[in-house]
Amino acid sequence: MGKIAMIVAIDRNNAIGKSGDQLVYISEDLKHFKATTTGHTVLMGRKTSDALPKGVLPNRRNIIITRSLSWQHEGADIAHSVEEAIGMIGDDEMVFVIGGGAIYKTMMPYAEVLYVTEIDKAFEEADTYFPVIDGEEWHVSNVSDWMDDDKNDVRFRYVEYQRR
């Protein structure tokens, strides 16, 4: 089985979303997400797939987890449980879990790498959170400098974690 990684943008409180959408759209982070995941498999929940503006992500294998046995999505492989999704990974070299909150929580024990965009702001209206990154289980392997996103008036940086 391939390596399972998670890629996520979190605020100071580990928040990742509000009302079914991202907290903020940082152009540079979206480019980073695309560059990191293109050519690989992305695994997501149905609500995350519904939030994608153009449907499935191009140039990536899309695996979508849904409890609905009749739900389909053109261009995606559908799994009805985390176990089924993991079985679909097969020989895929790298699989990126891209959300949402319940999928991150369920997939955390399987992840080997976390690609985290830390946003230096707390979003009060947030309602969806990433699991706590336990320092006993994870160590920081790479950290970028802080960058400014003037459009959204936020600072952010990239932090990579490896499972201990």
Protein backbone atom coordinates (compact mmCIF):
# COMPACT_ATOMS: atom_id res chain seq x y z
CA MET A 1 0.00 0.00 0.00
CA GLY A 2 1.13 3.53 -0.73
CA LYS A 3 2.04 6.18 1.80
CA ILE A 4 -0.91 8.05 3.32
CA ALA A 5 -0.46 11.74 3.94
CA MET A 6 -2.81 14.49 5.02
CA ILE A 7 -2.82 17.98 3.60
CA VAL A 8 -4.72 20.68 5.46
CA ALA A 9 -4.86 24.38 6.31
CA ILE A 10 -5.54 25.09 9.99
CA ASP A 11 -5.97 28.24 12.04
CA ARG A 12 -4.52 28.85 15.54
CA ASN A 13 -7.28 26.68 17.05
CA ASN A 14 -6.96 23.76 14.58
CA ALA A 15 -10.07 24.98 12.77
CA ILE A 16 -10.36 23.99 9.11
CA GLY A 17 -13.81 25.07 8.00
CA LYS A 18 -17.04 26.92 8.44
CA SER A 19 -20.47 26.16 7.01
CA GLY A 20 -19.08 23.48 4.67
CA ASP A 21 -16.34 25.67 3.21
CA GLN A 22 -12.73 26.61 3.88
CA LEU A 23 -11.92 29.32 6.39
CA VAL A 24 -10.06 31.45 3.87
CA TYR A 25 -8.77 31.10 0.32
CA ILE A 26 -5.06 31.87 0.19
CA SER A 27 -3.94 31.91 -3.44
CA GLU A 28 -0.38 30.78 -2.67
CA ASP A 29 -1.66 27.90 -0.53
CA LEU A 30 -4.05 26.75 -3.26
CA LYS A 31 -1.08 26.66 -5.67
CA HIS A 32 0.92 24.71 -3.08
CA PHE A 33 -1.96 22.23 -2.65
CA LYS A 34 -2.22 21.72 -6.42
CA ALA A 35 1.55 21.28 -6.87
CA THR A 36 1.76 18.83 -3.96
CA THR A 37 -1.22 16.64 -4.87
CA THR A 38 -1.15 16.62 -8.70
CA GLY A 39 -0.26 13.21 -10.07
CA HIS A 40 -1.31 11.45 -6.86
CA THR A 41 -4.48 10.10 -5.31
CA VAL A 42 -6.69 12.36 -3.20
CA LEU A 43 -9.12 10.87 -0.70
CA MET A 44 -12.03 12.90 0.66
CA GLY A 45 -15.49 12.73 2.13
CA ARG A 46 -18.62 13.44 0.11
CA LYS A 47 -19.17 16.88 1.65
CA THR A 48 -15.63 17.91 0.69
CA SER A 49 -16.21 16.70 -2.87
CA ASP A 50 -19.48 18.67 -2.99
CA ALA A 51 -17.55 21.82 -2.00
CA LEU A 52 -15.09 21.52 -4.91
CA PRO A 53 -16.04 24.27 -7.38
CA LYS A 54 -15.26 22.28 -10.53
CA GLY A 55 -16.05 18.72 -9.44
CA VAL A 56 -13.27 16.16 -9.17
CA LEU A 57 -9.71 17.43 -8.99
CA PRO A 58 -7.99 17.07 -12.37
CA ASN A 59 -4.77 15.11 -12.89
CA ARG A 60 -5.39 13.18 -9.67
CA ARG A 61 -7.20 9.97 -8.82
CA ASN A 62 -10.18 11.00 -6.66
CA ILE A 63 -11.52 8.58 -4.04
CA ILE A 64 -14.68 9.80 -2.31
CA ILE A 65 -16.07 8.20 0.83
CA THR A 66 -19.85 8.28 1.29
CA ARG A 67 -22.32 6.24 3.33
CA SER A 68 -24.88 6.47 0.52
CA LEU A 69 -24.90 3.31 -1.57
CA SER A 70 -26.52 5.05 -4.53
CA TRP A 71 -24.42 8.24 -4.64
CA GLN A 72 -22.11 8.50 -7.66
CA HIS A 73 -19.71 11.12 -8.96
CA GLU A 74 -18.37 11.07 -12.50
CA GLY A 75 -14.60 10.76 -12.61
CA ALA A 76 -14.26 9.50 -9.03
CA ASP A 77 -13.91 6.14 -7.34
CA ILE A 78 -16.55 5.72 -4.62
CA ALA A 79 -15.95 3.97 -1.30
CA HIS A 80 -18.59 3.38 1.36
CA SER A 81 -16.22 3.10 4.32
CA VAL A 82 -12.70 4.06 5.32
CA GLU A 83 -11.73 0.39 5.11
CA GLU A 84 -13.04 0.15 1.55
CA ALA A 85 -11.18 3.36 0.61
CA ILE A 86 -7.94 2.01 2.07
CA GLY A 87 -8.45 -1.19 0.06
CA MET A 88 -8.80 0.90 -3.10
CA ILE A 89 -5.42 2.58 -2.58
CA GLY A 90 -3.54 -0.49 -3.77
CA ASP A 91 -0.17 0.43 -5.24
CA ASP A 92 -0.79 4.18 -5.43
CA GLU A 93 2.54 5.70 -4.38
CA MET A 94 1.09 8.58 -2.35
CA VAL A 95 -2.43 9.25 -1.15
CA PHE A 96 -3.44 12.66 0.20
CA VAL A 97 -6.36 12.87 2.59
CA ILE A 98 -7.95 16.27 1.89
CA GLY A 99 -10.91 16.37 4.28
CA GLY A 100 -13.29 16.98 5.78
CA GLY A 101 -13.15 16.92 9.55
CA ALA A 102 -14.62 13.43 10.09
CA ILE A 103 -12.39 11.90 7.40
CA TYR A 104 -9.26 13.52 8.90
CA LYS A 105 -10.17 12.16 12.34
CA THR A 106 -10.83 8.65 11.03
CA MET A 107 -7.76 8.54 8.78
CA MET A 108 -5.29 10.05 11.30
CA PRO A 109 -4.10 6.64 12.58
CA TYR A 110 -3.16 5.63 9.01
CA ALA A 111 -1.27 8.80 8.11
CA GLU A 112 2.53 8.86 7.95
CA VAL A 113 3.00 12.50 6.92
CA LEU A 114 1.07 15.72 7.60
CA TYR A 115 1.38 18.72 5.27
CA VAL A 116 -0.05 21.55 7.34
CA THR A 117 -0.57 25.16 6.34
CA GLU A 118 -0.66 27.07 9.61
CA ILE A 119 -2.70 30.27 9.41
CA ASP A 120 -1.72 32.80 12.06
CA LYS A 121 -5.28 33.80 12.88
CA ALA A 122 -8.24 32.43 14.85
CA PHE A 123 -11.51 32.29 12.93
CA GLU A 124 -14.33 32.75 15.45
CA GLU A 125 -17.03 31.42 13.12
CA ALA A 126 -15.25 28.08 12.49
CA ASP A 127 -17.24 24.90 13.05
CA THR A 128 -14.96 22.12 11.76
CA TYR A 129 -11.60 21.13 13.25
CA PHE A 130 -8.51 19.06 12.49
CA PRO A 131 -7.47 16.51 15.12
CA VAL A 132 -4.86 17.67 17.63
CA ILE A 133 -1.33 16.92 16.39
CA ASP A 134 0.16 15.03 19.31
CA GLY A 135 3.88 15.78 19.81
CA GLU A 136 4.35 12.26 21.20
CA GLU A 137 3.28 10.81 17.83
CA TRP A 138 4.55 13.46 15.40
CA HIS A 139 7.71 15.49 14.91
CA VAL A 140 8.27 18.53 12.71
CA SER A 141 10.49 17.64 9.75
CA ASN A 142 10.26 20.89 7.79
CA VAL A 143 9.01 24.45 8.41
CA SER A 144 8.86 27.35 5.97
CA ASP A 145 9.22 31.00 6.85
CA TRP A 146 6.06 32.95 7.55
CA MET A 147 4.49 34.44 4.42
CA ASP A 148 1.93 37.22 4.11
CA ASP A 149 -1.31 37.01 2.19
CA ASP A 150 -2.24 40.67 1.81
CA LYS A 151 -5.57 39.91 0.13
CA ASN A 152 -6.86 38.17 3.28
CA ASP A 153 -4.64 39.99 5.78
CA VAL A 154 -3.19 36.76 7.22
CA ARG A 155 0.23 35.23 7.74
CA PHE A 156 0.79 31.56 7.00
CA ARG A 157 3.53 28.98 6.81
CA TYR A 158 3.97 25.36 5.78
CA VAL A 159 4.83 22.76 8.41
CA GLU A 160 5.56 19.14 7.57
CA TYR A 161 5.20 16.47 10.25
CA GLN A 162 6.45 12.88 10.16
CA ARG A 163 5.03 10.15 12.34
CA ARG A 164 7.52 9.11 15.03
